[in-house]
Protein backbone atom coordinates (compact mmCIF):
# COMPACT_ATOMS: atom_id res chain seq x y z
CA UNK A 1 17.44 11.85 20.69
CA UNK A 2 15.22 10.79 17.80
CA UNK A 3 17.92 11.12 14.98
CA UNK A 4 15.48 10.08 12.20
CA UNK A 5 12.94 12.66 13.24
CA UNK A 6 15.44 15.52 13.42
CA UNK A 7 16.97 14.35 10.11
CA UNK A 8 13.60 14.48 8.32
CA UNK A 9 12.76 17.95 9.88
CA UNK A 10 16.16 19.31 8.62
CA UNK A 11 15.13 18.36 5.00
CA UNK A 12 11.97 20.28 4.85
CA UNK A 13 11.33 22.49 1.84
CA UNK A 14 8.26 24.73 1.98
CA UNK A 15 8.39 25.48 -1.79
CA UNK A 16 7.26 21.79 -2.37
CA UNK A 17 4.35 21.84 -0.04
CA UNK A 18 1.64 23.22 -2.29
CA UNK A 19 2.35 20.71 -5.08
CA UNK A 20 2.41 17.79 -2.70
CA UNK A 21 -0.83 19.09 -1.05
CA UNK A 22 -2.56 19.26 -4.34
CA UNK A 23 -1.31 15.71 -5.43
CA UNK A 24 -2.44 14.00 -2.32
CA UNK A 25 -5.74 15.90 -2.25
CA UNK A 26 -5.69 17.34 1.29
CA UNK A 27 -8.42 19.83 0.51
CA UNK A 28 -11.89 19.47 1.96
CA UNK A 29 -13.42 16.18 0.60
CA UNK A 30 -10.26 14.91 -0.60
CA UNK A 31 -8.93 11.42 0.40
CA UNK A 32 -6.08 13.02 2.04
CA UNK A 33 -8.16 15.75 3.74
CA UNK A 34 -6.25 17.61 6.55
CA UNK A 35 -2.88 16.04 5.97
CA UNK A 36 0.25 18.23 6.44
CA UNK A 37 3.48 18.21 4.42
CA UNK A 38 6.95 19.13 5.19
CA UNK A 39 7.89 19.39 1.34
CA UNK A 40 10.24 16.48 1.07
CA UNK A 41 10.55 13.95 -1.96
CA UNK A 42 10.74 10.20 -1.44
CA UNK A 43 14.34 9.73 -2.45
CA UNK A 44 15.43 12.21 0.17
CA UNK A 45 13.30 10.33 2.81
CA UNK A 46 14.88 7.05 1.72
CA UNK A 47 18.38 8.52 2.02
CA UNK A 48 17.51 9.74 5.65
CA UNK A 49 16.19 6.24 6.52
CA UNK A 50 19.26 4.57 5.11
CA UNK A 51 21.44 6.67 7.39
CA UNK A 52 19.21 6.35 10.55
CA UNK A 53 17.41 3.13 10.69
CA UNK A 54 19.88 1.05 12.62
CA UNK A 55 19.83 3.48 15.54
CA UNK A 56 16.06 3.98 15.39
CA UNK A 57 14.09 2.55 18.43
CA UNK A 58 10.47 1.48 18.39
CA UNK A 59 9.78 4.54 20.66
CA UNK A 60 11.36 6.73 17.91
CA UNK A 61 9.23 4.95 15.32
CA UNK A 62 6.16 5.71 17.26
CA UNK A 63 7.04 9.39 17.37
CA UNK A 64 7.50 9.38 13.60
CA UNK A 65 4.51 7.15 12.45
CA UNK A 66 2.04 9.17 14.65
CA UNK A 67 3.35 12.51 13.34
CA UNK A 68 1.07 15.09 11.71
CA UNK A 69 3.41 15.18 8.83
CA UNK A 70 2.99 12.94 5.93
CA UNK A 71 6.72 12.59 5.27
CA UNK A 72 7.55 11.74 8.76
CA UNK A 73 5.08 8.92 8.85
CA UNK A 74 6.56 7.70 5.61
CA UNK A 75 10.00 7.88 7.11
CA UNK A 76 8.83 5.75 10.14
CA UNK A 77 7.21 3.22 7.86
CA UNK A 78 10.10 2.89 5.59
CA UNK A 79 12.39 2.51 8.65
CA UNK A 80 10.26 -0.24 10.07
CA UNK A 81 10.58 -2.01 6.79
CA UNK A 82 14.35 -1.75 7.11
CA UNK A 83 14.28 -3.13 10.60
CA UNK A 84 12.16 -6.05 9.50
CA UNK A 85 14.41 -6.93 6.58
CA UNK A 86 17.57 -6.83 8.69
CA UNK A 87 15.94 -8.95 11.41
CA UNK A 88 16.32 -11.94 8.91
CA UNK A 89 16.03 -15.01 11.32
CA UNK A 90 15.21 -12.97 14.40
CA UNK A 91 11.56 -14.06 14.42
CA UNK A 92 10.80 -12.22 17.63
CA UNK A 93 11.97 -8.84 16.25
CA UNK A 94 10.11 -9.50 12.92
CA UNK A 95 6.99 -10.22 14.88
CA UNK A 96 7.47 -7.02 16.92
CA UNK A 97 7.68 -5.10 13.60
CA UNK A 98 4.40 -6.74 12.27
CA UNK A 99 2.63 -6.02 15.64
CA UNK A 100 3.74 -2.34 15.50
CA UNK A 101 2.53 -1.98 11.98
CA UNK A 102 -0.88 -3.33 12.85
CA UNK A 103 -1.30 -1.26 15.86
CA UNK A 104 -0.63 1.98 13.95
CA UNK A 105 -2.90 1.47 10.82
CA UNK A 106 -4.72 4.52 11.82
CA UNK A 107 -1.60 6.66 10.80
CA UNK A 108 -1.12 4.76 7.37
CA UNK A 109 -3.62 6.99 5.77
CA UNK A 110 -2.83 7.56 2.18
CA UNK A 111 -2.16 5.26 -0.84
CA UNK A 112 1.58 5.81 -0.98
CA UNK A 113 2.00 5.03 2.79
CA UNK A 114 0.17 1.81 2.19
CA UNK A 115 1.81 0.73 -1.03
CA UNK A 116 5.29 1.46 0.35
CA UNK A 117 4.95 -0.54 3.41
CA UNK A 118 2.24 -3.36 3.35
CA UNK A 119 3.71 -5.91 1.10
CA UNK A 120 7.35 -5.37 2.38
CA UNK A 121 5.91 -6.15 5.98
CA UNK A 122 2.67 -8.17 5.88
CA UNK A 123 3.27 -9.70 2.49
CA UNK A 124 6.71 -10.95 3.62
CA UNK A 125 5.66 -12.07 7.05
CA UNK A 126 2.74 -14.04 5.56
CA UNK A 127 4.53 -15.90 2.81
CA UNK A 128 4.63 -19.05 4.97
CA UNK A 129 1.76 -18.38 7.26
CA UNK A 130 -2.00 -18.29 7.26
CA UNK A 131 -3.30 -15.20 5.35
CA UNK A 132 -6.82 -14.85 6.82
CA UNK A 133 -5.57 -11.31 8.23
CA UNK A 134 -5.46 -9.90 4.77
CA UNK A 135 -8.95 -11.32 3.85
CA UNK A 136 -10.28 -9.63 7.08
CA UNK A 137 -8.68 -6.38 6.30
CA UNK A 138 -10.10 -6.34 2.84
CA UNK A 139 -13.52 -7.38 3.94
CA UNK A 140 -13.85 -5.55 7.24
CA UNK A 141 -11.12 -2.80 7.37
CA UNK A 142 -12.08 0.26 9.17
CA UNK A 143 -11.32 2.53 6.21
CA UNK A 144 -10.24 2.33 2.61
CA UNK A 145 -6.52 2.34 3.72
CA UNK A 146 -6.86 -0.83 5.71
CA UNK A 147 -8.89 -2.41 2.89
CA UNK A 148 -6.11 -1.36 0.49
CA UNK A 149 -3.48 -2.97 2.72
CA UNK A 150 -5.45 -6.29 2.43
CA UNK A 151 -5.21 -6.11 -1.35
CA UNK A 152 -1.92 -4.53 -2.03
CA UNK A 153 -0.05 -6.95 0.47
CA UNK A 154 -0.66 -9.81 -2.03
CA UNK A 155 2.05 -8.22 -4.25
CA UNK A 156 4.67 -10.22 -2.26
CA UNK A 157 2.84 -13.48 -3.00
CA UNK A 158 2.77 -12.60 -6.82
CA UNK A 159 6.53 -12.09 -6.71
CA UNK A 160 6.77 -15.70 -5.38
CA UNK A 161 4.44 -17.03 -7.89
CA UNK A 162 1.59 -17.45 -5.71
CA UNK A 163 -1.56 -16.01 -7.32
CA UNK A 164 -4.53 -17.51 -5.71
CA UNK A 165 -4.83 -14.84 -2.81
CA UNK A 166 -4.85 -12.04 -5.26
CA UNK A 167 -7.75 -13.30 -7.04
CA UNK A 168 -9.54 -14.53 -3.95
CA UNK A 169 -9.32 -11.04 -2.30
CA UNK A 170 -10.23 -9.31 -5.51
CA UNK A 171 -13.47 -11.11 -5.27
CA UNK A 172 -14.10 -9.54 -1.99
CA UNK A 173 -14.10 -6.10 -3.62
CA UNK A 174 -16.36 -7.19 -6.38
CA UNK A 175 -18.91 -8.22 -3.79
CA UNK A 176 -18.69 -4.78 -1.90
CA UNK A 177 -21.59 -2.33 -2.25
CA UNK A 178 -21.20 0.08 -5.13
CA UNK A 179 -19.83 2.59 -5.70
CA UNK A 180 -16.35 1.31 -4.70
CA UNK A 181 -13.92 4.08 -3.84
CA UNK A 182 -11.73 4.89 -6.76
CA UNK A 183 -8.49 4.21 -4.80
CA UNK A 184 -9.74 0.70 -4.04
CA UNK A 185 -10.66 0.13 -7.63
CA UNK A 186 -7.22 1.18 -8.76
CA UNK A 187 -5.44 -1.12 -6.18
CA UNK A 188 -7.53 -4.21 -7.22
CA UNK A 189 -7.07 -3.54 -10.89
CA UNK A 190 -3.37 -3.02 -10.37
CA UNK A 191 -2.85 -6.20 -8.49
CA UNK A 192 -4.81 -8.08 -11.15
CA UNK A 193 -2.74 -6.73 -13.96
CA UNK A 194 0.36 -7.91 -11.96
CA UNK A 195 -1.10 -11.38 -11.68
CA UNK A 196 -1.70 -11.22 -15.46
CA UNK A 197 1.92 -10.68 -16.09
CA UNK A 198 2.67 -14.00 -14.46
CA UNK A 199 -0.35 -15.91 -15.99
CA UNK A 200 -2.12 -14.02 -18.60
CA UNK A 201 -4.46 -16.87 -19.53
CA UNK A 202 -5.63 -17.03 -15.87
CA UNK A 203 -6.37 -13.37 -15.70
CA UNK A 204 -8.31 -13.50 -18.95
CA UNK A 205 -10.36 -16.56 -17.84
CA UNK A 206 -10.98 -14.79 -14.60
CA UNK A 207 -12.21 -11.75 -16.35
CA UNK A 208 -14.34 -13.49 -18.82
CA UNK A 209 -17.27 -14.02 -16.31
CA UNK A 210 -16.78 -10.74 -14.41
CA UNK A 211 -15.62 -7.86 -16.74
CA UNK A 212 -19.21 -6.91 -17.76
CA UNK A 213 -19.99 -5.98 -14.09
CA UNK A 214 -16.60 -4.90 -12.65
CA UNK A 215 -16.24 -1.22 -11.70
CA UNK A 216 -14.82 0.47 -14.87
CA UNK A 217 -11.67 1.97 -13.12
CA UNK A 218 -10.82 -1.53 -11.74
CA UNK A 219 -11.24 -3.18 -15.32
CA UNK A 220 -9.10 -0.39 -17.01
CA UNK A 221 -6.26 -0.98 -14.59
CA UNK A 222 -6.54 -4.81 -14.96
CA UNK A 223 -6.35 -4.68 -18.67
CA UNK A 224 -3.98 -1.93 -19.09
CA UNK A 225 -1.19 -4.07 -20.70
CA UNK A 226 -3.51 -5.83 -23.20
CA UNK A 227 -3.42 -4.86 -26.94
CA UNK A 228 -5.53 -1.80 -27.90
CA UNK A 229 -8.14 -3.74 -29.77
CA UNK A 230 -8.52 -6.20 -27.10
CA UNK A 231 -8.92 -3.55 -24.41
CA UNK A 232 -11.66 -1.82 -26.43
CA UNK A 233 -13.38 -5.19 -26.68
CA UNK A 234 -13.60 -5.43 -22.85
CA UNK A 235 -14.58 -1.69 -22.36
CA UNK A 236 -17.49 -1.53 -24.97
CA UNK A 237 -20.00 -2.94 -22.46
């Protein structure tokens, strides 16, 4: 019996479905077109994961992650994060988690699913390894979600004081044909802003030769924490 799957289903709240559907843009032409919701908030999902992760198998995870329901996929991904974290020195189990994640990117198909999983999994796994995988995802990902995984996974490196990959992968997105999808612009700008919190001078130096040609949303996100007058000076071009 898939306890996690049953637990999530038991928490559904149809009254919340319309709001979630609008927020995640599931209508025709929206980035979440065709997705389905059960009406469950993230704290409730996390509580279910906390209760069930230790007894959830990879077969159970597959059932959850491949579900038509957004919250079920989220529950599967958050459970995978817990399995990975608790594996600690069990490298084989951690590697199995990473292999599972990469084999199921087709189901990681919205920004929240990406952002709540990728740097906890790929970012952690690659802290002491070659990171070309992230560059390949950013450059050649089959869709915006795989490309976003390549960028957002660098958050874990930033938390360990390692800024180079964030800037290097940001360059990949600057070189992509325009217009760049809004959700990719936001991801790149967000990570640049986070890099700037660690070393503001480096961010400003990086922006100095790029801000005039950067996509505007990306730039706005990158400079969000700058003083107002400074922000205006960047945006007047």
